[in-house]
Amino acid sequence: MKIELKLDSSCKEPEVILICSKITQDIKALIRKISQETPRMLVGFKDDFVEILDEDDIVHIFTDSGKVIAATKQGKYVIRLRLYELEERLDKSSFVRISNSEIINLKKVKGFDLSFSGIICVMLTNGATTYVSRRYVAKIKQVLGI
């Protein structure tokens, strides 16, 4: 992607112009990110307390008994959004879906164990171990470049 910046002292309001041959997912994500005027906050519920969660603190998000749970170093929080909604909101360069019931933060991964046949085991920084479902193995390999 080529980026060009022009400084103009007579400019009253910043203007962004995208020139491309077709609209890709990356272009759509860029447009969404640029056009977001207010940051979308992620809120977690723990007992009767509501806390704003920082994306950098989230290790993984998973479903348990019909609830969506965000695991952080501070504990587990119930999120009142569905996984597909979170997948759209979260930074795609850090968060990746590994199954129908889980999203992980790649920045919080200790390592991947590829020794199982066809399954990838993921070790997270909070000590949790999870697995990439067969349906998502190709996607993870593409993200990791393997």
C-alpha atoms as a PDB file:
ATOM      1  CA  MET A   1       0.000   0.000   0.000  1.00  0.00           C
ATOM      2  CA  LYS A   2       1.361   3.371  -0.992  1.00  0.00           C
ATOM      3  CA  ILE A   3       0.792   6.275   1.433  1.00  0.00           C
ATOM      4  CA  GLU A   4       1.144   9.909   0.500  1.00  0.00           C
ATOM      5  CA  LEU A   5       0.887  12.860   2.897  1.00  0.00           C
ATOM      6  CA  LYS A   6       0.492  16.462   1.737  1.00  0.00           C
ATOM      7  CA  LEU A   7       0.813  19.372   4.158  1.00  0.00           C
ATOM      8  CA  ASP A   8      -1.225  22.453   3.280  1.00  0.00           C
ATOM      9  CA  SER A   9      -1.442  25.385   5.686  1.00  0.00           C
ATOM     10  CA  SER A  10      -4.671  26.582   4.040  1.00  0.00           C
ATOM     11  CA  CYS A  11      -6.436  23.277   4.779  1.00  0.00           C
ATOM     12  CA  LYS A  12      -9.383  23.738   7.173  1.00  0.00           C
ATOM     13  CA  GLU A  13     -10.366  20.100   7.610  1.00  0.00           C
ATOM     14  CA  PRO A  14      -8.316  16.932   6.930  1.00  0.00           C
ATOM     15  CA  GLU A  15      -9.329  15.036   3.798  1.00  0.00           C
ATOM     16  CA  VAL A  16      -8.571  11.398   2.970  1.00  0.00           C
ATOM     17  CA  ILE A  17      -8.735  10.104  -0.595  1.00  0.00           C
ATOM     18  CA  LEU A  18      -8.349   6.384  -1.321  1.00  0.00           C
ATOM     19  CA  ILE A  19      -7.474   5.340  -4.868  1.00  0.00           C
ATOM     20  CA  CYS A  20      -7.751   1.616  -5.573  1.00  0.00           C
ATOM     21  CA  SER A  21      -8.688  -0.774  -8.372  1.00  0.00           C
ATOM     22  CA  LYS A  22     -11.283  -2.612  -6.248  1.00  0.00           C
ATOM     23  CA  ILE A  23     -12.708  -2.620  -2.742  1.00  0.00           C
ATOM     24  CA  THR A  24     -11.087  -5.381  -0.694  1.00  0.00           C
ATOM     25  CA  GLN A  25     -11.589  -6.406   2.931  1.00  0.00           C
ATOM     26  CA  ASP A  26      -8.459  -4.406   3.856  1.00  0.00           C
ATOM     27  CA  ILE A  27      -9.871  -1.282   2.190  1.00  0.00           C
ATOM     28  CA  LYS A  28     -13.208  -1.754   3.976  1.00  0.00           C
ATOM     29  CA  ALA A  29     -11.393  -2.139   7.311  1.00  0.00           C
ATOM     30  CA  LEU A  30      -9.337   0.985   6.626  1.00  0.00           C
ATOM     31  CA  ILE A  31     -12.461   2.988   5.783  1.00  0.00           C
ATOM     32  CA  ARG A  32     -14.171   1.740   8.957  1.00  0.00           C
ATOM     33  CA  LYS A  33     -11.154   2.639  11.077  1.00  0.00           C
ATOM     34  CA  ILE A  34     -10.742   6.106   9.572  1.00  0.00           C
ATOM     35  CA  SER A  35     -14.447   6.946   9.690  1.00  0.00           C
ATOM     36  CA  GLN A  36     -14.922   5.904  13.325  1.00  0.00           C
ATOM     37  CA  GLU A  37     -15.426   9.163  15.141  1.00  0.00           C
ATOM     38  CA  THR A  38     -16.029   7.745  18.573  1.00  0.00           C
ATOM     39  CA  PRO A  39     -14.053   4.781  19.808  1.00  0.00           C
ATOM     40  CA  ARG A  40     -16.164   1.712  20.434  1.00  0.00           C
ATOM     41  CA  MET A  41     -15.651   0.608  23.970  1.00  0.00           C
ATOM     42  CA  LEU A  42     -15.673  -2.962  25.106  1.00  0.00           C
ATOM     43  CA  VAL A  43     -17.504  -3.380  28.400  1.00  0.00           C
ATOM     44  CA  GLY A  44     -17.202  -6.408  30.663  1.00  0.00           C
ATOM     45  CA  PHE A  45     -19.397  -7.419  33.595  1.00  0.00           C
ATOM     46  CA  LYS A  46     -17.945  -9.040  36.713  1.00  0.00           C
ATOM     47  CA  ASP A  47     -20.475  -9.676  39.489  1.00  0.00           C
ATOM     48  CA  ASP A  48     -22.371  -6.354  39.749  1.00  0.00           C
ATOM     49  CA  PHE A  49     -19.452  -4.297  38.486  1.00  0.00           C
ATOM     50  CA  VAL A  50     -19.061  -2.959  34.939  1.00  0.00           C
ATOM     51  CA  GLU A  51     -15.548  -2.343  33.649  1.00  0.00           C
ATOM     52  CA  ILE A  52     -14.196  -0.926  30.407  1.00  0.00           C
ATOM     53  CA  LEU A  53     -11.815  -3.497  28.969  1.00  0.00           C
ATOM     54  CA  ASP A  54      -8.624  -2.588  27.165  1.00  0.00           C
ATOM     55  CA  GLU A  55      -8.119  -4.752  24.063  1.00  0.00           C
ATOM     56  CA  ASP A  56      -4.443  -5.177  24.963  1.00  0.00           C
ATOM     57  CA  ASP A  57      -5.403  -6.866  28.260  1.00  0.00           C
ATOM     58  CA  ILE A  58      -7.670  -9.478  26.654  1.00  0.00           C
ATOM     59  CA  VAL A  59      -6.022 -12.900  26.324  1.00  0.00           C
ATOM     60  CA  HIS A  60      -8.935 -14.709  24.689  1.00  0.00           C
ATOM     61  CA  ILE A  61     -12.702 -14.544  24.317  1.00  0.00           C
ATOM     62  CA  PHE A  62     -14.791 -17.691  24.420  1.00  0.00           C
ATOM     63  CA  THR A  63     -18.313 -18.965  24.976  1.00  0.00           C
ATOM     64  CA  ASP A  64     -19.293 -20.880  28.096  1.00  0.00           C
ATOM     65  CA  SER A  65     -22.842 -21.977  28.918  1.00  0.00           C
ATOM     66  CA  GLY A  66     -24.310 -19.564  26.387  1.00  0.00           C
ATOM     67  CA  LYS A  67     -22.338 -16.577  27.696  1.00  0.00           C
ATOM     68  CA  VAL A  68     -19.446 -14.786  26.017  1.00  0.00           C
ATOM     69  CA  ILE A  69     -16.459 -14.510  28.371  1.00  0.00           C
ATOM     70  CA  ALA A  70     -13.373 -12.309  27.975  1.00  0.00           C
ATOM     71  CA  ALA A  71     -10.359 -13.612  29.909  1.00  0.00           C
ATOM     72  CA  THR A  72      -7.842 -10.982  31.004  1.00  0.00           C
ATOM     73  CA  LYS A  73      -4.983 -10.966  33.493  1.00  0.00           C
ATOM     74  CA  GLN A  74      -7.421  -9.294  35.933  1.00  0.00           C
ATOM     75  CA  GLY A  75      -9.990 -12.087  35.618  1.00  0.00           C
ATOM     76  CA  LYS A  76     -12.954 -13.164  33.517  1.00  0.00           C
ATOM     77  CA  TYR A  77     -15.674 -10.802  32.353  1.00  0.00           C
ATOM     78  CA  VAL A  78     -19.045 -11.452  30.740  1.00  0.00           C
ATOM     79  CA  ILE A  79     -19.472  -9.579  27.459  1.00  0.00           C
ATOM     80  CA  ARG A  80     -22.952  -8.768  26.191  1.00  0.00           C
ATOM     81  CA  LEU A  81     -22.026  -9.116  22.537  1.00  0.00           C
ATOM     82  CA  ARG A  82     -21.877 -12.149  20.288  1.00  0.00           C
ATOM     83  CA  LEU A  83     -18.565 -13.506  19.023  1.00  0.00           C
ATOM     84  CA  TYR A  84     -19.202 -12.377  15.453  1.00  0.00           C
ATOM     85  CA  GLU A  85     -19.876  -8.821  16.712  1.00  0.00           C
ATOM     86  CA  LEU A  86     -16.629  -8.877  18.695  1.00  0.00           C
ATOM     87  CA  GLU A  87     -14.764 -10.239  15.688  1.00  0.00           C
ATOM     88  CA  GLU A  88     -15.911  -7.182  13.707  1.00  0.00           C
ATOM     89  CA  ARG A  89     -15.001  -4.743  16.506  1.00  0.00           C
ATOM     90  CA  LEU A  90     -11.607  -6.067  17.555  1.00  0.00           C
ATOM     91  CA  ASP A  91      -8.334  -5.225  15.826  1.00  0.00           C
ATOM     92  CA  LYS A  92      -7.895  -7.813  13.078  1.00  0.00           C
ATOM     93  CA  SER A  93      -4.115  -7.620  13.278  1.00  0.00           C
ATOM     94  CA  SER A  94      -4.207  -8.860  16.902  1.00  0.00           C
ATOM     95  CA  PHE A  95      -7.354 -10.962  17.251  1.00  0.00           C
ATOM     96  CA  VAL A  96      -8.152 -14.078  15.248  1.00  0.00           C
ATOM     97  CA  ARG A  97     -10.992 -16.578  15.424  1.00  0.00           C
ATOM     98  CA  ILE A  98      -9.774 -20.125  16.099  1.00  0.00           C
ATOM     99  CA  SER A  99     -13.132 -21.901  16.420  1.00  0.00           C
ATOM    100  CA  ASN A 100     -16.860 -21.257  16.399  1.00  0.00           C
ATOM    101  CA  SER A 101     -16.594 -20.544  20.120  1.00  0.00           C
ATOM    102  CA  GLU A 102     -13.273 -18.721  20.579  1.00  0.00           C
ATOM    103  CA  ILE A 103     -11.189 -15.713  19.537  1.00  0.00           C
ATOM    104  CA  ILE A 104      -7.577 -15.318  20.699  1.00  0.00           C
ATOM    105  CA  ASN A 105      -5.270 -12.330  21.021  1.00  0.00           C
ATOM    106  CA  LEU A 106      -2.146 -13.208  19.022  1.00  0.00           C
ATOM    107  CA  LYS A 107      -0.115 -10.862  21.231  1.00  0.00           C
ATOM    108  CA  LYS A 108      -0.967 -13.089  24.224  1.00  0.00           C
ATOM    109  CA  VAL A 109       0.115 -16.389  22.670  1.00  0.00           C
ATOM    110  CA  LYS A 110       3.147 -18.145  24.203  1.00  0.00           C
ATOM    111  CA  GLY A 111       3.370 -20.679  21.425  1.00  0.00           C
ATOM    112  CA  PHE A 112       1.722 -23.112  19.042  1.00  0.00           C
ATOM    113  CA  ASP A 113       2.139 -26.892  19.213  1.00  0.00           C
ATOM    114  CA  LEU A 114       1.796 -28.424  15.765  1.00  0.00           C
ATOM    115  CA  SER A 115       2.673 -31.975  16.843  1.00  0.00           C
ATOM    116  CA  PHE A 116      -0.960 -33.167  16.849  1.00  0.00           C
ATOM    117  CA  SER A 117      -2.102 -34.454  13.475  1.00  0.00           C
ATOM    118  CA  GLY A 118      -4.251 -31.760  11.890  1.00  0.00           C
ATOM    119  CA  ILE A 119      -4.833 -29.853  15.143  1.00  0.00           C
ATOM    120  CA  ILE A 120      -2.983 -26.826  16.461  1.00  0.00           C
ATOM    121  CA  CYS A 121      -2.632 -26.457  20.226  1.00  0.00           C
ATOM    122  CA  VAL A 122      -2.351 -22.853  21.449  1.00  0.00           C
ATOM    123  CA  MET A 123      -0.616 -21.986  24.733  1.00  0.00           C
ATOM    124  CA  LEU A 124      -1.668 -18.584  26.088  1.00  0.00           C
ATOM    125  CA  THR A 125       0.196 -16.251  28.459  1.00  0.00           C
ATOM    126  CA  ASN A 126      -2.414 -16.734  31.218  1.00  0.00           C
ATOM    127  CA  GLY A 127      -1.611 -20.462  31.354  1.00  0.00           C
ATOM    128  CA  ALA A 128      -4.672 -21.548  29.393  1.00  0.00           C
ATOM    129  CA  THR A 129      -4.386 -24.071  26.574  1.00  0.00           C
ATOM    130  CA  THR A 130      -6.852 -24.145  23.719  1.00  0.00           C
ATOM    131  CA  TYR A 131      -7.127 -25.737  20.294  1.00  0.00           C
ATOM    132  CA  VAL A 132      -7.714 -24.452  16.789  1.00  0.00           C
ATOM    133  CA  SER A 133     -10.635 -26.300  15.232  1.00  0.00           C
ATOM    134  CA  ARG A 134      -9.947 -28.060  11.930  1.00  0.00           C
ATOM    135  CA  ARG A 135     -12.134 -25.539  10.111  1.00  0.00           C
ATOM    136  CA  TYR A 136      -9.828 -22.672  11.176  1.00  0.00           C
ATOM    137  CA  VAL A 137      -6.405 -24.391  10.809  1.00  0.00           C
ATOM    138  CA  ALA A 138      -5.804 -23.036   7.286  1.00  0.00           C
ATOM    139  CA  LYS A 139      -6.700 -19.519   8.422  1.00  0.00           C
ATOM    140  CA  ILE A 140      -4.275 -19.669  11.384  1.00  0.00           C
ATOM    141  CA  LYS A 141      -1.496 -21.039   9.200  1.00  0.00           C
ATOM    142  CA  GLN A 142      -2.074 -18.172   6.764  1.00  0.00           C
ATOM    143  CA  VAL A 143      -1.976 -15.608   9.594  1.00  0.00           C
ATOM    144  CA  LEU A 144       1.236 -17.138  10.968  1.00  0.00           C
ATOM    145  CA  GLY A 145       2.800 -17.524   7.535  1.00  0.00           C
ATOM    146  CA  ILE A 146       3.352 -21.282   7.831  1.00  0.00           C
END
